[in-house]
N, C-alpha and C. Protein backbone atom coordinates (compact mmCIF):
# COMPACT_ATOMS: atom_id res chain seq x y z
N MET A 1 8.87 5.53 -42.29
CA MET A 1 8.26 5.67 -41.17
C MET A 1 9.02 3.84 -40.49
N ALA A 2 9.75 3.06 -41.72
CA ALA A 2 10.60 1.78 -40.70
C ALA A 2 10.91 1.84 -39.74
N LYS A 3 12.03 3.96 -40.31
CA LYS A 3 12.92 4.36 -38.67
C LYS A 3 12.33 4.34 -37.52
N SER A 4 11.09 4.55 -37.63
CA SER A 4 10.28 5.10 -36.33
C SER A 4 9.72 4.79 -35.21
N ASP A 5 9.77 2.98 -36.42
CA ASP A 5 8.98 1.87 -35.23
C ASP A 5 9.75 1.62 -34.51
N PRO A 6 11.41 1.32 -34.91
CA PRO A 6 12.38 0.82 -34.12
C PRO A 6 12.51 2.03 -32.90
N ASP A 7 12.51 2.80 -33.45
CA ASP A 7 13.22 3.75 -32.26
C ASP A 7 11.75 4.14 -31.15
N ALA A 8 10.31 3.78 -31.43
CA ALA A 8 9.68 3.71 -30.70
C ALA A 8 9.52 2.63 -29.88
N GLY A 9 10.10 1.12 -30.30
CA GLY A 9 10.33 -0.01 -29.60
C GLY A 9 11.17 0.09 -28.54
N LYS A 10 11.77 1.08 -28.76
CA LYS A 10 13.62 1.19 -27.92
C LYS A 10 12.98 2.10 -27.11
N LYS A 11 12.19 3.01 -27.44
CA LYS A 11 11.88 4.45 -26.03
C LYS A 11 10.95 3.14 -25.19
N GLU A 12 10.16 2.27 -25.93
CA GLU A 12 9.14 1.71 -24.87
C GLU A 12 9.75 0.39 -24.01
N ARG A 13 11.03 -0.16 -24.52
CA ARG A 13 11.87 -1.06 -23.74
C ARG A 13 11.86 0.07 -22.73
N ASN A 14 13.32 1.26 -22.96
CA ASN A 14 13.77 1.75 -21.89
C ASN A 14 12.66 2.40 -20.68
N LYS A 15 11.92 2.87 -21.17
CA LYS A 15 10.95 3.50 -20.59
C LYS A 15 10.21 2.01 -19.16
N THR A 16 10.22 1.16 -19.78
CA THR A 16 10.11 -0.46 -19.34
C THR A 16 11.39 -0.31 -18.42
N ILE A 17 11.90 -0.61 -18.39
CA ILE A 17 13.70 -0.84 -17.98
C ILE A 17 13.59 -0.12 -16.80
N ARG A 18 13.29 1.74 -16.92
CA ARG A 18 13.35 2.15 -15.93
C ARG A 18 11.97 1.84 -15.21
N TRP A 19 11.39 1.91 -15.12
CA TRP A 19 10.32 1.47 -14.51
C TRP A 19 10.35 0.28 -13.22
N VAL A 20 11.02 -1.10 -14.07
CA VAL A 20 11.61 -1.94 -13.40
C VAL A 20 12.29 -1.25 -12.14
N VAL A 21 13.79 -0.67 -12.94
CA VAL A 21 14.98 -0.74 -11.94
C VAL A 21 13.88 0.29 -10.69
N THR A 22 13.29 1.34 -10.93
CA THR A 22 12.52 2.28 -9.73
C THR A 22 11.89 1.39 -9.05
N ILE A 23 10.87 0.15 -9.46
CA ILE A 23 9.95 -0.53 -8.59
C ILE A 23 11.19 -1.39 -7.60
N PHE A 24 11.70 -2.01 -8.21
CA PHE A 24 13.11 -2.71 -7.74
C PHE A 24 13.52 -1.69 -5.89
N LEU A 25 14.07 -0.52 -6.84
CA LEU A 25 14.68 0.24 -5.59
C LEU A 25 13.36 0.60 -5.07
N VAL A 26 12.31 1.31 -5.37
CA VAL A 26 11.60 1.41 -4.17
C VAL A 26 11.09 0.12 -3.45
N THR A 27 10.82 -0.66 -3.83
CA THR A 27 10.83 -2.14 -3.32
C THR A 27 11.73 -1.97 -2.18
N LEU A 28 12.84 -1.95 -2.53
CA LEU A 28 14.28 -2.39 -1.25
C LEU A 28 14.01 -0.87 0.16
N LEU A 29 13.38 -0.07 -0.68
CA LEU A 29 13.41 1.40 0.50
C LEU A 29 12.07 1.11 1.45
N VAL A 30 11.18 0.73 0.67
CA VAL A 30 10.03 0.54 1.36
C VAL A 30 10.07 -0.73 2.45
N SER A 31 10.39 -2.03 2.00
CA SER A 31 10.48 -3.14 2.57
C SER A 31 11.65 -3.03 4.16
N ALA A 32 12.74 -2.08 3.67
CA ALA A 32 13.76 -1.35 4.68
C ALA A 32 12.99 -1.03 5.77
N VAL A 33 12.16 0.26 5.38
CA VAL A 33 11.43 1.38 6.35
C VAL A 33 10.52 0.71 7.04
N ILE A 34 9.34 -0.17 6.38
CA ILE A 34 8.67 -0.91 7.11
C ILE A 34 9.26 -2.15 8.13
N SER A 35 10.25 -2.37 7.19
CA SER A 35 10.57 -3.99 8.41
C SER A 35 11.38 -3.48 9.72
N LEU A 36 11.92 -2.04 9.72
CA LEU A 36 12.79 -1.45 10.80
C LEU A 36 12.19 -0.73 11.60
N ILE A 37 11.10 -0.27 11.34
CA ILE A 37 9.91 0.53 12.04
C ILE A 37 9.22 -0.79 12.70
N SER A 38 8.67 -1.91 12.38
CA SER A 38 7.65 -3.07 12.75
C SER A 38 9.22 -3.30 13.90
N GLU A 39 10.36 -3.59 13.65
CA GLU A 39 11.00 -4.57 14.72
C GLU A 39 11.29 -3.42 15.52
N GLU A 40 11.39 -2.27 15.40
CA GLU A 40 11.43 -1.37 16.20
C GLU A 40 10.56 -1.54 17.23
N LEU A 41 9.85 -1.58 16.82
CA LEU A 41 7.91 -1.42 17.58
C LEU A 41 7.70 -2.78 18.30
N LEU A 42 8.49 -3.74 17.90
CA LEU A 42 8.33 -5.13 17.92
C LEU A 42 9.11 -5.38 19.51
N ASP A 43 10.15 -4.88 18.80
CA ASP A 43 11.60 -5.68 20.13
C ASP A 43 10.63 -4.89 21.59
N GLY A 44 11.03 -5.50 22.39
CA GLY A 44 10.04 -4.59 24.28
C GLY A 44 8.84 -4.57 24.13
N SER A 45 7.97 -5.52 23.53
CA SER A 45 6.49 -4.74 23.29
C SER A 45 5.77 -5.94 23.89
N GLY A 46 4.88 -5.81 24.51
CA GLY A 46 3.98 -7.20 25.38
C GLY A 46 3.65 -7.52 24.03
N ILE A 47 2.72 -9.01 24.66
CA ILE A 47 2.28 -9.48 23.40
C ILE A 47 1.10 -8.84 23.19
N PHE A 48 0.19 -8.66 23.51
CA PHE A 48 -1.30 -7.45 22.98
C PHE A 48 -0.62 -6.02 21.81
N ALA A 49 0.11 -5.72 22.82
CA ALA A 49 0.88 -4.50 21.84
C ALA A 49 1.82 -5.06 20.28
N ALA A 50 2.03 -6.16 20.56
CA ALA A 50 2.70 -7.00 19.39
C ALA A 50 1.49 -7.34 18.04
N PHE A 51 0.32 -7.60 19.03
CA PHE A 51 -0.62 -7.95 18.22
C PHE A 51 -1.27 -7.01 17.00
N VAL A 52 -1.03 -5.64 18.45
CA VAL A 52 -1.63 -4.62 17.53
C VAL A 52 -1.35 -4.00 16.80
N ILE A 53 0.18 -4.37 17.18
CA ILE A 53 1.42 -3.92 15.28
C ILE A 53 1.01 -4.97 14.43
N LEU A 54 1.38 -6.20 14.76
CA LEU A 54 1.16 -7.24 13.42
C LEU A 54 -0.35 -7.20 12.90
N PHE A 55 -1.22 -6.48 13.48
CA PHE A 55 -2.53 -6.18 12.49
C PHE A 55 -2.98 -4.70 12.08
N ALA A 56 -2.19 -3.87 12.57
CA ALA A 56 -1.60 -2.20 11.66
C ALA A 56 -0.58 -2.96 10.66
N ILE A 57 -0.50 -3.27 10.46
CA ILE A 57 0.57 -4.40 8.75
C ILE A 57 -0.04 -5.30 8.32
N VAL A 58 -0.70 -6.07 8.55
CA VAL A 58 -1.48 -6.71 7.48
C VAL A 58 -2.88 -5.65 7.17
N LEU A 59 -2.93 -4.58 8.23
CA LEU A 59 -4.27 -3.84 7.17
C LEU A 59 -4.21 -2.79 6.13
N VAL A 60 -2.27 -2.56 6.58
CA VAL A 60 -2.16 -1.21 5.90
C VAL A 60 -2.26 -2.17 4.66
N GLY A 61 -1.47 -3.25 4.19
CA GLY A 61 -1.44 -4.42 3.18
C GLY A 61 -3.01 -4.30 2.69
N ILE A 62 -4.02 -4.54 3.12
CA ILE A 62 -5.36 -4.43 3.17
C ILE A 62 -5.84 -3.25 2.25
N VAL A 63 -5.82 -1.98 2.88
CA VAL A 63 -6.15 -0.41 2.89
C VAL A 63 -5.42 -0.44 1.33
N PHE A 64 -4.13 -0.56 0.98
CA PHE A 64 -3.40 -0.43 -0.14
C PHE A 64 -4.13 -1.31 -1.19
N ASP A 65 -4.52 -2.79 -0.89
CA ASP A 65 -4.45 -3.87 -1.99
C ASP A 65 -6.41 -2.40 -2.57
N ILE A 66 -6.87 -2.54 -1.87
CA ILE A 66 -8.35 -1.70 -2.01
C ILE A 66 -7.40 -0.76 -2.35
N VAL A 67 -7.13 0.30 -2.37
CA VAL A 67 -6.57 1.47 -3.30
C VAL A 67 -6.45 1.58 -4.73
N GLY A 68 -5.40 -0.42 -5.08
CA GLY A 68 -5.06 -0.53 -6.17
C GLY A 68 -5.88 -1.32 -6.87
N VAL A 69 -7.32 -2.00 -6.44
CA VAL A 69 -8.00 -2.51 -7.35
C VAL A 69 -9.36 -1.73 -7.47
N ALA A 70 -9.62 -0.54 -6.92
CA ALA A 70 -9.80 0.76 -6.74
C ALA A 70 -10.26 1.59 -8.30
N VAL A 71 -8.46 1.91 -8.30
CA VAL A 71 -7.63 2.48 -9.14
C VAL A 71 -7.83 1.71 -10.35
N THR A 72 -7.70 0.55 -10.74
CA THR A 72 -8.13 -0.05 -12.08
C THR A 72 -9.31 -0.15 -12.25
N SER A 73 -10.64 -0.30 -11.35
CA SER A 73 -11.78 -0.47 -11.58
C SER A 73 -12.64 0.67 -12.09
N ALA A 74 -12.28 1.91 -11.34
CA ALA A 74 -13.41 2.89 -11.45
C ALA A 74 -13.23 4.43 -12.98
N ASP A 75 -14.03 4.53 -13.32
CA ASP A 75 -14.00 5.12 -14.55
C ASP A 75 -13.20 7.01 -14.63
N GLU A 76 -13.55 7.16 -15.50
CA GLU A 76 -12.65 8.69 -15.14
C GLU A 76 -13.43 9.64 -15.60
N ARG A 77 -14.44 9.61 -16.42
CA ARG A 77 -15.77 10.37 -16.67
C ARG A 77 -15.91 11.22 -15.23
N PRO A 78 -16.51 10.97 -14.06
CA PRO A 78 -16.85 11.86 -13.19
C PRO A 78 -16.11 12.78 -12.88
N PHE A 79 -14.70 12.07 -12.41
CA PHE A 79 -13.62 13.60 -12.20
C PHE A 79 -13.77 14.37 -13.06
N HIS A 80 -13.44 14.20 -14.35
CA HIS A 80 -13.38 15.20 -15.12
C HIS A 80 -14.84 16.57 -15.22
N SER A 81 -16.06 15.96 -14.79
CA SER A 81 -16.89 16.58 -14.04
C SER A 81 -16.41 17.55 -13.15
N MET A 82 -16.32 16.56 -11.78
CA MET A 82 -15.58 17.39 -10.75
C MET A 82 -14.38 18.21 -10.70
N ALA A 83 -13.29 18.21 -11.77
CA ALA A 83 -12.38 18.93 -12.32
C ALA A 83 -12.75 20.37 -12.50
N ALA A 84 -14.03 19.88 -13.60
CA ALA A 84 -14.18 21.55 -14.34
C ALA A 84 -15.16 22.20 -13.24
N ARG A 85 -15.69 21.74 -11.94
CA ARG A 85 -16.16 22.77 -10.55
C ARG A 85 -15.00 22.82 -9.90
N LYS A 86 -13.89 22.14 -10.24
CA LYS A 86 -12.71 22.47 -9.58
C LYS A 86 -12.72 21.65 -7.90
N VAL A 87 -13.44 20.88 -7.77
CA VAL A 87 -13.18 20.19 -6.35
C VAL A 87 -12.25 19.50 -6.21
N PRO A 88 -11.25 19.96 -5.29
CA PRO A 88 -10.39 19.42 -4.29
C PRO A 88 -10.53 17.65 -5.29
N GLY A 89 -8.75 17.55 -5.47
CA GLY A 89 -8.26 16.28 -5.41
C GLY A 89 -8.85 15.17 -6.92
N ALA A 90 -9.54 16.50 -7.66
CA ALA A 90 -10.16 15.68 -8.76
C ALA A 90 -9.25 15.76 -10.00
N GLN A 91 -8.13 16.44 -10.12
CA GLN A 91 -7.01 16.14 -10.93
C GLN A 91 -6.37 15.02 -11.05
N GLU A 92 -5.93 15.13 -9.35
CA GLU A 92 -4.88 14.03 -8.61
C GLU A 92 -5.58 12.47 -9.27
N ALA A 93 -7.30 12.65 -8.85
CA ALA A 93 -7.75 11.18 -8.95
C ALA A 93 -7.06 10.76 -10.35
N ILE A 94 -7.90 12.02 -11.74
CA ILE A 94 -7.45 11.49 -12.75
C ILE A 94 -6.07 11.32 -12.80
N ARG A 95 -5.21 12.32 -12.33
CA ARG A 95 -3.49 11.54 -12.79
C ARG A 95 -3.30 10.20 -12.39
N LEU A 96 -4.16 9.53 -10.92
CA LEU A 96 -4.43 7.85 -10.28
C LEU A 96 -4.56 7.16 -11.71
N LEU A 97 -6.18 7.12 -12.29
CA LEU A 97 -6.55 6.65 -13.34
C LEU A 97 -5.77 6.20 -14.18
N ARG A 98 -5.26 7.26 -14.74
CA ARG A 98 -4.43 7.20 -16.20
C ARG A 98 -2.90 6.77 -16.05
N SER A 99 -2.71 6.75 -14.73
CA SER A 99 -1.33 5.77 -14.77
C SER A 99 -1.57 4.89 -13.62
N ALA A 100 -2.78 4.35 -13.83
CA ALA A 100 -3.36 3.26 -12.79
C ALA A 100 -2.88 2.01 -12.48
N GLU A 101 -2.07 1.36 -14.04
CA GLU A 101 -1.29 0.40 -14.53
C GLU A 101 -0.05 0.22 -13.01
N ARG A 102 0.60 1.50 -13.02
CA ARG A 102 1.61 1.86 -11.81
C ARG A 102 1.30 1.97 -10.70
N VAL A 103 0.04 2.71 -10.36
CA VAL A 103 -0.81 2.57 -9.15
C VAL A 103 -0.77 1.51 -8.72
N SER A 104 -1.39 0.55 -9.49
CA SER A 104 -1.89 -1.00 -8.80
C SER A 104 -0.41 -1.30 -8.96
N SER A 105 0.39 -1.66 -9.51
CA SER A 105 1.54 -2.23 -9.17
C SER A 105 2.22 -1.54 -7.67
N ILE A 106 2.16 -0.78 -7.79
CA ILE A 106 3.07 -0.17 -6.27
C ILE A 106 2.16 -0.65 -5.43
N CYS A 107 1.06 -0.24 -5.46
CA CYS A 107 -0.24 -0.69 -4.55
C CYS A 107 -0.46 -2.11 -3.60
N ASN A 108 -0.21 -2.81 -4.49
CA ASN A 108 -0.90 -4.65 -4.55
C ASN A 108 0.16 -5.08 -4.81
N ASP A 109 1.54 -4.70 -5.92
CA ASP A 109 2.44 -5.65 -5.48
C ASP A 109 3.72 -5.21 -4.67
N VAL A 110 3.80 -3.93 -4.81
CA VAL A 110 5.26 -3.60 -3.84
C VAL A 110 4.68 -3.40 -2.51
N VAL A 111 3.81 -2.64 -1.84
CA VAL A 111 3.63 -2.54 -0.75
C VAL A 111 2.58 -3.85 -0.02
N GLY A 112 1.40 -4.49 -0.61
CA GLY A 112 0.74 -6.01 -0.50
C GLY A 112 1.67 -6.54 0.04
N ASP A 113 2.68 -6.66 -0.91
CA ASP A 113 3.46 -7.93 -0.61
C ASP A 113 4.27 -7.70 0.39
N ILE A 114 5.07 -6.50 0.55
CA ILE A 114 5.93 -6.26 1.24
C ILE A 114 4.90 -6.27 2.67
N CYS A 115 4.67 -6.38 3.11
CA CYS A 115 3.46 -6.55 4.55
C CYS A 115 3.24 -7.53 4.58
N GLY A 116 3.23 -8.31 3.56
CA GLY A 116 3.13 -9.82 3.68
C GLY A 116 4.41 -10.40 4.16
N VAL A 117 5.04 -10.12 3.79
CA VAL A 117 6.13 -10.65 4.24
C VAL A 117 6.58 -10.18 5.80
N VAL A 118 6.21 -8.74 5.83
CA VAL A 118 6.97 -8.34 6.63
C VAL A 118 5.97 -8.78 8.27
N SER A 119 4.27 -9.26 7.60
CA SER A 119 3.45 -9.12 9.10
C SER A 119 3.80 -11.20 8.95
N GLY A 120 4.70 -11.65 8.40
CA GLY A 120 4.98 -13.21 8.35
C GLY A 120 5.81 -13.36 9.55
N SER A 121 6.63 -12.05 9.56
CA SER A 121 7.77 -11.86 10.33
C SER A 121 7.59 -11.49 12.14
N ALA A 122 6.67 -10.72 11.40
CA ALA A 122 6.00 -10.40 13.03
C ALA A 122 4.80 -11.53 13.93
N SER A 123 4.45 -12.54 13.01
CA SER A 123 4.07 -13.38 13.16
C SER A 123 5.22 -14.49 14.20
N ALA A 124 6.12 -14.75 13.37
CA ALA A 124 6.96 -15.56 14.01
C ALA A 124 7.53 -15.15 15.17
N VAL A 125 7.54 -14.01 15.49
CA VAL A 125 8.32 -12.98 16.58
C VAL A 125 7.26 -13.28 17.75
N ILE A 126 5.77 -12.97 17.53
CA ILE A 126 5.09 -13.39 18.54
C ILE A 126 4.95 -14.77 19.03
N ALA A 127 5.00 -15.53 17.69
CA ALA A 127 5.07 -17.05 18.29
C ALA A 127 6.18 -17.49 19.62
N ALA A 128 7.60 -16.37 19.00
CA ALA A 128 8.26 -16.90 20.18
C ALA A 128 7.85 -16.08 21.58
N ARG A 129 7.13 -14.98 21.15
CA ARG A 129 6.81 -14.97 22.68
C ARG A 129 5.67 -15.67 23.24
N LEU A 130 5.04 -15.77 22.80
CA LEU A 130 3.84 -16.92 23.74
C LEU A 130 4.81 -18.40 23.92
N LEU A 131 5.71 -18.90 22.95
CA LEU A 131 6.67 -19.75 23.81
C LEU A 131 6.98 -19.72 25.30
N GLN A 132 7.62 -18.63 25.39
CA GLN A 132 8.04 -18.01 26.16
C GLN A 132 6.75 -17.79 27.42
N ASN A 133 5.93 -17.28 26.89
CA ASN A 133 4.94 -17.05 27.91
C ASN A 133 3.95 -17.40 28.50
N PHE A 134 3.87 -18.81 27.81
CA PHE A 134 2.93 -20.06 27.76
C PHE A 134 3.39 -21.20 27.40
N THR A 135 2.41 -22.50 28.10
CA THR A 135 2.99 -23.83 27.99
C THR A 135 1.99 -24.45 26.85
N PHE A 136 3.09 -25.20 25.82
CA PHE A 136 2.58 -25.83 24.21
C PHE A 136 2.61 -26.96 24.73
N ASN A 137 1.72 -27.98 25.11
CA ASN A 137 1.89 -29.55 24.32
C ASN A 137 2.38 -29.97 23.38
N TRP A 138 2.45 -28.66 22.39
CA TRP A 138 2.83 -29.16 21.50
C TRP A 138 3.25 -28.13 20.52
N PRO A 139 4.48 -27.51 21.09
CA PRO A 139 5.23 -25.95 20.96
C PRO A 139 5.15 -25.68 19.48
N ARG A 140 4.86 -26.04 18.24
CA ARG A 140 5.04 -26.21 16.95
C ARG A 140 3.48 -25.50 16.83
N ALA A 141 2.20 -25.64 17.80
CA ALA A 141 0.87 -25.39 17.91
C ALA A 141 1.01 -22.82 17.86
N ALA A 142 1.80 -22.98 18.27
CA ALA A 142 1.58 -21.49 18.63
C ALA A 142 2.19 -20.72 17.33
N SER A 143 3.88 -21.42 16.11
CA SER A 143 3.97 -21.03 14.96
C SER A 143 2.55 -20.92 14.35
N LEU A 144 2.36 -22.40 14.19
CA LEU A 144 0.89 -23.02 13.11
C LEU A 144 -0.22 -21.79 13.26
N PHE A 145 -0.46 -21.72 14.28
CA PHE A 145 -1.63 -20.67 14.88
C PHE A 145 -1.70 -19.47 14.41
N MET A 146 -0.79 -19.05 14.47
CA MET A 146 0.00 -17.04 14.25
C MET A 146 0.30 -17.56 12.83
N SER A 147 0.55 -18.26 12.01
CA SER A 147 0.71 -18.09 10.08
C SER A 147 -0.35 -18.43 9.92
N ALA A 148 -1.70 -19.35 10.70
CA ALA A 148 -2.70 -19.34 9.82
C ALA A 148 -4.11 -18.20 10.21
N LEU A 149 -3.68 -17.84 11.43
CA LEU A 149 -4.40 -16.10 12.22
C LEU A 149 -3.82 -15.03 10.76
N VAL A 150 -2.67 -14.87 10.78
CA VAL A 150 -2.54 -14.08 9.90
C VAL A 150 -2.81 -14.17 8.08
N ALA A 151 -2.55 -15.43 7.70
CA ALA A 151 -3.36 -15.75 6.23
C ALA A 151 -4.69 -15.36 5.93
N GLY A 152 -5.33 -16.16 7.94
CA GLY A 152 -6.89 -15.92 7.15
C GLY A 152 -6.99 -14.26 7.38
N VAL A 153 -6.74 -13.79 8.18
CA VAL A 153 -7.12 -12.64 8.16
C VAL A 153 -6.82 -11.49 6.95
N THR A 154 -5.47 -11.81 6.15
CA THR A 154 -5.74 -10.97 5.06
C THR A 154 -5.88 -11.72 4.15
N VAL A 155 -5.91 -12.96 3.87
CA VAL A 155 -6.85 -13.13 2.39
C VAL A 155 -8.37 -12.71 2.55
N GLY A 156 -9.10 -12.84 4.30
CA GLY A 156 -10.49 -12.85 3.95
C GLY A 156 -10.72 -10.94 3.98
N GLY A 157 -9.65 -10.38 4.75
CA GLY A 157 -9.83 -9.04 4.33
C GLY A 157 -9.48 -8.51 3.41
N LYS A 158 -8.54 -9.09 2.36
CA LYS A 158 -8.89 -8.31 0.99
C LYS A 158 -9.52 -9.17 -0.15
N ALA A 159 -9.90 -10.51 0.48
CA ALA A 159 -11.34 -10.62 -0.60
C ALA A 159 -12.31 -9.48 -0.03
N LEU A 160 -12.68 -9.24 1.40
CA LEU A 160 -13.68 -8.16 1.34
C LEU A 160 -13.33 -7.08 1.35
N GLY A 161 -11.93 -6.65 0.52
CA GLY A 161 -11.54 -5.35 0.07
C GLY A 161 -12.04 -5.24 -0.96
N LYS A 162 -11.71 -5.99 -1.97
CA LYS A 162 -11.61 -6.21 -3.45
C LYS A 162 -13.34 -5.54 -3.64
N THR A 163 -14.32 -6.78 -2.79
CA THR A 163 -15.92 -6.49 -2.92
C THR A 163 -16.05 -4.66 -3.17
N PHE A 164 -15.43 -3.91 -1.89
CA PHE A 164 -15.36 -2.67 -1.72
C PHE A 164 -15.09 -2.00 -2.33
N ALA A 165 -13.90 -2.13 -2.96
CA ALA A 165 -13.76 -1.54 -4.07
C ALA A 165 -14.16 -1.23 -5.34
N ILE A 166 -14.50 -2.61 -5.79
CA ILE A 166 -15.17 -2.13 -6.69
C ILE A 166 -16.02 -1.31 -6.90
N GLY A 167 -16.99 -1.64 -5.76
CA GLY A 167 -18.54 -1.38 -5.58
C GLY A 167 -18.43 -0.07 -5.53
N SER A 168 -17.19 0.48 -5.03
CA SER A 168 -17.28 2.18 -4.19
C SER A 168 -15.77 2.50 -5.17
N ALA A 169 -15.30 2.35 -6.13
CA ALA A 169 -14.12 2.86 -6.87
C ALA A 169 -14.02 4.17 -6.93
N THR A 170 -14.89 4.76 -7.58
CA THR A 170 -14.98 6.43 -7.65
C THR A 170 -14.67 7.58 -6.14
N GLN A 171 -15.46 6.88 -4.91
CA GLN A 171 -14.98 7.18 -4.21
C GLN A 171 -13.84 7.14 -2.95
N ILE A 172 -13.54 6.13 -3.77
CA ILE A 172 -12.23 5.89 -3.15
C ILE A 172 -11.07 6.46 -3.48
N VAL A 173 -11.13 6.47 -5.29
CA VAL A 173 -10.11 7.09 -5.87
C VAL A 173 -9.63 8.97 -5.68
N HIS A 174 -11.59 9.41 -5.36
CA HIS A 174 -11.43 10.71 -4.70
C HIS A 174 -11.20 10.82 -3.74
N THR A 175 -11.18 10.12 -2.91
CA THR A 175 -11.03 10.17 -1.62
C THR A 175 -8.80 10.15 -1.66
N VAL A 176 -8.21 9.53 -1.76
CA VAL A 176 -6.98 8.79 -1.61
C VAL A 176 -6.85 11.01 -3.14
N GLY A 177 -7.37 10.91 -3.85
CA GLY A 177 -7.40 12.26 -4.71
C GLY A 177 -6.69 12.83 -3.96
N ARG A 178 -8.08 13.37 -3.03
CA ARG A 178 -7.93 14.64 -2.04
C ARG A 178 -7.08 14.52 -1.01
N LEU A 179 -6.68 12.70 -0.29
CA LEU A 179 -5.25 13.74 0.25
C LEU A 179 -4.25 13.67 0.05
N LEU A 180 -3.90 13.28 -1.28
CA LEU A 180 -2.74 13.46 -2.25
C LEU A 180 -2.80 14.89 -2.34
N HIS A 181 -3.85 15.59 -2.68
CA HIS A 181 -4.17 17.32 -2.38
C HIS A 181 -3.50 17.74 -2.04
N GLY A 182 -4.76 17.44 -0.37
CA GLY A 182 -4.15 17.86 0.84
C GLY A 182 -2.38 17.95 1.24
N LEU A 183 -1.83 16.52 0.48
CA LEU A 183 0.01 17.01 1.53
C LEU A 183 0.18 17.99 0.19
N ARG A 184 -0.20 18.26 -0.92
CA ARG A 184 0.54 18.98 -1.93
C ARG A 184 0.20 20.22 -1.26
N ALA A 185 -0.84 20.88 -0.81
CA ALA A 185 -1.29 22.30 -0.03
C ALA A 185 -0.59 22.50 0.95
N LEU A 186 0.05 21.22 1.84
CA LEU A 186 0.64 21.30 3.23
C LEU A 186 2.31 22.24 3.24
N PRO A 187 3.23 22.23 1.87
CA PRO A 187 3.93 22.81 2.12
C PRO A 187 4.08 24.69 1.84
N LYS A 188 2.67 24.73 0.80
CA LYS A 188 1.97 26.24 0.67
C LYS A 188 1.70 26.42 2.02
N MET A 189 1.07 25.80 2.94
CA MET A 189 0.55 26.41 3.79
C MET A 189 1.66 26.90 5.15
N PHE A 190 2.69 25.65 5.05
CA PHE A 190 3.65 26.14 6.12
C PHE A 190 4.23 27.23 5.31
N GLY A 191 4.59 27.64 3.90
CA GLY A 191 5.05 28.56 3.56
C GLY A 191 4.86 30.16 4.10
N LYS A 192 3.52 30.23 3.71
CA LYS A 192 2.84 30.53 3.82
C LYS A 192 3.15 31.51 5.94
N GLY A 193 2.47 30.21 6.44
CA GLY A 193 2.63 30.53 8.03
C GLY A 193 4.19 31.48 8.16
N LYS A 194 5.30 30.84 7.67
CA LYS A 194 6.44 31.60 7.47
C LYS A 194 6.84 33.27 7.63
N LYS A 195 6.21 33.33 6.21
CA LYS A 195 6.42 34.36 5.77
C LYS A 195 5.25 35.59 6.50
N LYS A 196 4.74 34.77 7.07
CA LYS A 196 3.45 35.99 7.89
C LYS A 196 4.36 35.88 9.34
N GLY A 197 5.11 34.91 9.42
CA GLY A 197 5.85 35.62 10.89
C GLY A 197 7.38 36.32 10.86
């Protein structure tokens, strides 16, 4: 028994280290992709289009925050009866709930924080565009306005999102489960299509 405890502790530590390294690498990859896409879209776009892109980035962060909260709030029991009735997405929802800590970490910390950083960069680009196109008595007003706007929309959106996520946790998790189920079914659908052709 004395030998098994150190072994179990070592396995747990290795598991934690692997998870931290995975999160680090995923964060680097996702951050690079989102930053690249946002920069490409913002480059040469008008002010209105730039605002749309900015709010799209903020919205992505809010949506993932909602999913992260819902996964930690939802009860697993309803999904077992759904899985018994072979309801699409039920099995995926159970897997999400059994990995709630990791799913929440990815949704809230990785995607949420990355969207926060990228939206900050995008707001700075828009502030620079505003200064180019409009005259301000106090030039810093543009950057302050953009920072305050992004912070207000992000914090307010996440506050509303958390209330919604807690109240509709089961529906949200099931929706994500159905989405994952659909994504898993896509290769099979395309595979069948190729065979018929």
